[in-house]
Each structure stands twice: as structure tokens, then as C-alpha cells.
N, C-alpha and C. Protein backbone atom coordinates (compact mmCIF):
# COMPACT_ATOMS: atom_id res chain seq x y z
N MET A 1 86.06 54.36 181.54
CA MET A 1 84.66 54.63 181.19
C MET A 1 84.64 55.66 180.07
N PRO A 2 83.98 55.38 178.94
CA PRO A 2 83.97 56.34 177.83
C PRO A 2 83.18 57.60 178.18
N VAL A 3 83.62 58.70 177.61
CA VAL A 3 82.96 59.99 177.81
C VAL A 3 81.78 60.10 176.84
N ALA A 4 80.64 60.55 177.35
CA ALA A 4 79.45 60.71 176.49
C ALA A 4 79.67 61.86 175.53
N THR A 5 79.19 61.72 174.30
CA THR A 5 79.28 62.81 173.34
C THR A 5 78.21 63.85 173.66
N ALA A 6 78.33 65.01 173.06
CA ALA A 6 77.35 66.07 173.28
C ALA A 6 75.95 65.61 172.88
N TYR A 7 75.85 64.82 171.82
CA TYR A 7 74.53 64.38 171.35
C TYR A 7 73.92 63.33 172.28
N GLU A 8 74.75 62.47 172.87
CA GLU A 8 74.25 61.51 173.85
C GLU A 8 73.74 62.23 175.09
N THR A 9 74.50 63.23 175.53
CA THR A 9 74.08 64.03 176.69
C THR A 9 72.81 64.80 176.36
N PHE A 10 72.75 65.40 175.16
CA PHE A 10 71.57 66.15 174.72
C PHE A 10 70.32 65.28 174.80
N ALA A 11 70.43 64.03 174.39
CA ALA A 11 69.27 63.13 174.36
C ALA A 11 68.72 62.87 175.76
N THR A 12 69.56 62.96 176.79
CA THR A 12 69.11 62.65 178.15
C THR A 12 68.67 63.88 178.93
N LEU A 13 68.83 65.08 178.37
CA LEU A 13 68.51 66.30 179.11
C LEU A 13 67.01 66.47 179.34
N GLN A 14 66.68 67.04 180.49
CA GLN A 14 65.32 67.37 180.85
C GLN A 14 65.29 68.82 181.32
N PRO A 15 64.15 69.51 181.17
CA PRO A 15 64.05 70.87 181.73
C PRO A 15 64.40 70.84 183.22
N GLY A 16 65.21 71.81 183.63
CA GLY A 16 65.66 71.89 185.02
C GLY A 16 67.07 71.39 185.21
N ASP A 17 67.62 70.63 184.24
CA ASP A 17 69.01 70.17 184.34
C ASP A 17 69.96 71.35 184.18
N ARG A 18 71.03 71.36 184.95
CA ARG A 18 72.04 72.42 184.84
C ARG A 18 73.17 71.91 183.97
N VAL A 19 73.56 72.70 182.97
CA VAL A 19 74.56 72.26 182.00
C VAL A 19 75.61 73.33 181.73
N GLN A 20 76.71 72.86 181.18
CA GLN A 20 77.78 73.74 180.69
C GLN A 20 78.03 73.37 179.23
N VAL A 21 78.04 74.37 178.36
CA VAL A 21 78.29 74.16 176.94
C VAL A 21 79.52 74.97 176.55
N ASP A 22 80.56 74.28 176.08
CA ASP A 22 81.74 74.94 175.52
C ASP A 22 81.56 74.91 174.01
N HIS A 23 81.51 76.08 173.39
CA HIS A 23 81.21 76.13 171.97
C HIS A 23 81.91 77.32 171.31
N GLU A 24 81.92 77.28 169.98
CA GLU A 24 82.56 78.33 169.19
C GLU A 24 81.50 79.31 168.70
N VAL A 25 81.79 80.59 168.83
CA VAL A 25 80.91 81.64 168.32
C VAL A 25 81.56 82.20 167.06
N LYS A 26 80.78 82.32 165.98
CA LYS A 26 81.30 82.85 164.72
C LYS A 26 80.47 84.06 164.31
N VAL A 27 81.15 85.16 164.04
CA VAL A 27 80.50 86.36 163.53
C VAL A 27 81.37 86.87 162.39
N GLY A 28 80.85 86.76 161.17
CA GLY A 28 81.66 87.13 160.01
C GLY A 28 82.88 86.23 159.93
N PHE A 29 84.05 86.83 159.83
CA PHE A 29 85.29 86.05 159.77
C PHE A 29 85.92 85.87 161.15
N ARG A 30 85.30 86.43 162.18
CA ARG A 30 85.83 86.29 163.54
C ARG A 30 85.22 85.07 164.21
N ARG A 31 85.98 84.43 165.06
CA ARG A 31 85.49 83.29 165.83
C ARG A 31 86.24 83.22 167.14
N TRP A 32 85.53 82.77 168.17
CA TRP A 32 86.16 82.61 169.48
C TRP A 32 85.41 81.53 170.25
N MET A 33 86.11 80.95 171.23
CA MET A 33 85.52 79.91 172.08
C MET A 33 84.90 80.58 173.30
N THR A 34 83.76 80.05 173.75
CA THR A 34 83.10 80.58 174.93
C THR A 34 82.43 79.44 175.69
N THR A 35 82.09 79.72 176.93
CA THR A 35 81.40 78.75 177.78
C THR A 35 80.08 79.36 178.22
N THR A 36 79.01 78.61 178.09
CA THR A 36 77.70 79.04 178.54
C THR A 36 77.21 78.05 179.59
N ILE A 37 76.83 78.58 180.76
CA ILE A 37 76.33 77.75 181.85
C ILE A 37 74.91 78.20 182.16
N GLY A 38 74.01 77.25 182.33
CA GLY A 38 72.63 77.61 182.66
C GLY A 38 71.78 76.39 182.92
N THR A 39 70.51 76.66 183.18
CA THR A 39 69.51 75.62 183.44
C THR A 39 68.67 75.44 182.18
N VAL A 40 68.46 74.19 181.79
CA VAL A 40 67.71 73.88 180.58
C VAL A 40 66.25 74.31 180.75
N VAL A 41 65.78 75.18 179.85
CA VAL A 41 64.37 75.55 179.78
C VAL A 41 63.67 74.59 178.84
N LYS A 42 64.28 74.37 177.66
CA LYS A 42 63.76 73.38 176.71
C LYS A 42 64.86 73.00 175.74
N LYS A 43 64.68 71.86 175.13
CA LYS A 43 65.56 71.41 174.05
C LYS A 43 64.68 71.09 172.86
N GLU A 44 65.20 71.31 171.68
CA GLU A 44 64.40 71.02 170.49
C GLU A 44 65.30 70.81 169.31
N ARG A 45 64.71 70.24 168.28
CA ARG A 45 65.39 70.06 167.00
C ARG A 45 64.68 70.99 166.04
N ARG A 46 65.37 72.04 165.58
CA ARG A 46 64.76 73.05 164.70
C ARG A 46 65.15 72.81 163.25
N ARG A 47 64.16 72.93 162.39
CA ARG A 47 64.41 72.83 160.96
C ARG A 47 64.78 74.22 160.45
N HIS A 48 65.76 74.28 159.58
CA HIS A 48 66.15 75.57 159.01
C HIS A 48 66.57 75.38 157.56
N SER A 49 66.77 76.49 156.90
CA SER A 49 67.17 76.43 155.48
C SER A 49 68.30 77.41 155.25
N LEU A 50 69.36 77.22 156.00
CA LEU A 50 70.48 78.15 155.93
C LEU A 50 71.49 77.80 154.84
N HIS A 51 71.28 76.70 154.15
CA HIS A 51 72.28 76.26 153.20
C HIS A 51 71.92 76.70 151.78
N PHE A 52 72.89 77.09 151.05
CA PHE A 52 72.74 77.64 149.71
C PHE A 52 72.57 76.51 148.69
N LYS A 53 71.61 76.69 147.78
CA LYS A 53 71.37 75.78 146.66
C LYS A 53 71.13 74.34 147.09
N ARG A 54 70.23 74.14 148.04
CA ARG A 54 69.83 72.80 148.43
C ARG A 54 68.50 72.47 147.76
N ASN A 55 68.21 71.20 147.64
CA ASN A 55 66.91 70.80 147.11
C ASN A 55 65.82 71.22 148.08
N SER A 56 64.65 71.54 147.56
CA SER A 56 63.56 72.00 148.41
C SER A 56 63.08 70.91 149.37
N ASP A 57 63.29 69.63 149.03
CA ASP A 57 62.87 68.55 149.92
C ASP A 57 64.00 68.04 150.82
N ASP A 58 65.16 68.69 150.77
CA ASP A 58 66.31 68.30 151.59
C ASP A 58 66.20 69.00 152.94
N LYS A 59 65.83 68.26 153.97
CA LYS A 59 65.57 68.85 155.28
C LYS A 59 66.87 68.94 156.09
N VAL A 60 67.09 70.10 156.73
CA VAL A 60 68.27 70.33 157.56
C VAL A 60 67.79 70.72 158.95
N TYR A 61 68.35 70.06 159.98
CA TYR A 61 67.94 70.31 161.35
C TYR A 61 69.15 70.67 162.21
N SER A 62 68.89 71.41 163.29
CA SER A 62 69.91 71.72 164.30
C SER A 62 69.35 71.39 165.67
N ASP A 63 70.21 70.86 166.54
CA ASP A 63 69.82 70.62 167.92
C ASP A 63 70.07 71.90 168.71
N VAL A 64 69.03 72.36 169.42
CA VAL A 64 69.06 73.67 170.09
C VAL A 64 68.70 73.51 171.56
N LEU A 65 69.44 74.22 172.41
CA LEU A 65 69.12 74.30 173.84
C LEU A 65 68.73 75.73 174.18
N VAL A 66 67.64 75.90 174.91
CA VAL A 66 67.28 77.20 175.46
C VAL A 66 67.64 77.11 176.95
N LEU A 67 68.55 78.00 177.39
CA LEU A 67 69.05 77.97 178.76
C LEU A 67 68.69 79.26 179.48
N ARG A 68 68.47 79.13 180.79
CA ARG A 68 68.29 80.30 181.65
C ARG A 68 69.58 80.44 182.47
N ARG A 69 70.27 81.56 182.26
CA ARG A 69 71.50 81.82 183.01
C ARG A 69 71.16 82.22 184.43
N ASP A 70 72.16 82.28 185.30
CA ASP A 70 71.96 82.65 186.70
C ASP A 70 71.36 84.05 186.84
N SER A 71 71.63 84.92 185.87
CA SER A 71 71.10 86.29 185.91
C SER A 71 69.62 86.35 185.52
N GLY A 72 69.06 85.23 185.04
CA GLY A 72 67.68 85.20 184.59
C GLY A 72 67.56 85.34 183.08
N GLU A 73 68.64 85.70 182.41
CA GLU A 73 68.66 85.88 180.96
C GLU A 73 68.43 84.53 180.27
N LEU A 74 67.61 84.54 179.21
CA LEU A 74 67.43 83.35 178.37
C LEU A 74 68.40 83.43 177.21
N THR A 75 69.04 82.32 176.89
CA THR A 75 69.95 82.28 175.76
C THR A 75 69.73 80.97 175.00
N THR A 76 69.97 81.01 173.70
CA THR A 76 69.81 79.84 172.85
C THR A 76 71.17 79.43 172.33
N VAL A 77 71.48 78.14 172.46
CA VAL A 77 72.75 77.60 171.99
C VAL A 77 72.45 76.51 170.98
N THR A 78 73.02 76.62 169.79
CA THR A 78 72.89 75.59 168.77
C THR A 78 74.11 74.69 168.85
N LEU A 79 73.88 73.40 169.00
CA LEU A 79 74.99 72.45 169.11
C LEU A 79 75.47 72.04 167.73
N ASP A 80 76.78 71.88 167.61
CA ASP A 80 77.36 71.32 166.40
C ASP A 80 78.34 70.23 166.81
N GLU A 81 79.05 69.67 165.85
CA GLU A 81 79.94 68.54 166.14
C GLU A 81 81.14 68.92 167.01
N PHE A 82 81.39 70.23 167.19
CA PHE A 82 82.52 70.67 168.00
C PHE A 82 82.10 71.11 169.39
N SER A 83 80.81 71.16 169.68
CA SER A 83 80.32 71.59 170.99
C SER A 83 80.61 70.52 172.05
N GLU A 84 80.94 70.99 173.24
CA GLU A 84 81.12 70.09 174.38
C GLU A 84 80.01 70.41 175.38
N LEU A 85 79.21 69.41 175.72
CA LEU A 85 78.06 69.58 176.59
C LEU A 85 78.23 68.68 177.81
N ARG A 86 78.12 69.28 179.02
CA ARG A 86 78.25 68.51 180.25
C ARG A 86 77.13 68.88 181.22
N LYS A 87 76.58 67.86 181.88
CA LYS A 87 75.65 68.11 182.97
C LYS A 87 76.46 68.50 184.20
N LEU A 88 75.97 69.47 184.94
CA LEU A 88 76.66 69.89 186.17
C LEU A 88 75.93 69.35 187.38
């Protein structure tokens, strides 16, 4: 049975689903892998303009999850092609 990609799983998520996201965090030249576990508060596709020298009509979007951790903390995770997303 093939494994669902993070984007296929993202498409099926509903608020209240419990998920685990394995993703890379980058700060400056440092990077490390981390795991975030929580309950989906909302999912959305956000438009941003983080890219240098793009056309003004060139739209760039990111898939974003807002999760509530067990401690009650809200956290936002932006998915990329290297993120691993699993329903728990």
C-alpha cells in the first residue's frame, strides 16, 4: 500500500485531528530536524512574498498548519517538500 504524501494528508485534515510533523527548522545558516505533535486548529494556504525579484503578479503560497500542543501552546508549521506529516 503506497504511503500518502504530506500534501495528500494535508488535504484530508480537519480541525481536531491529531498529527505529527517531522520538519526542518532553519535559522540563519543553522538547521536541525524536529518533530511537532499537536491537534489541528486550522489549516490554510497563505500567500506571501518572501522571494527576491519576483514579478508583482507571480503569486507564491505556502501550506500552513496551526496546531495546539498538549501544553495548550499554539504553534504554526509551514509545510515544504521535505516535511513528513502523519495522522495519529
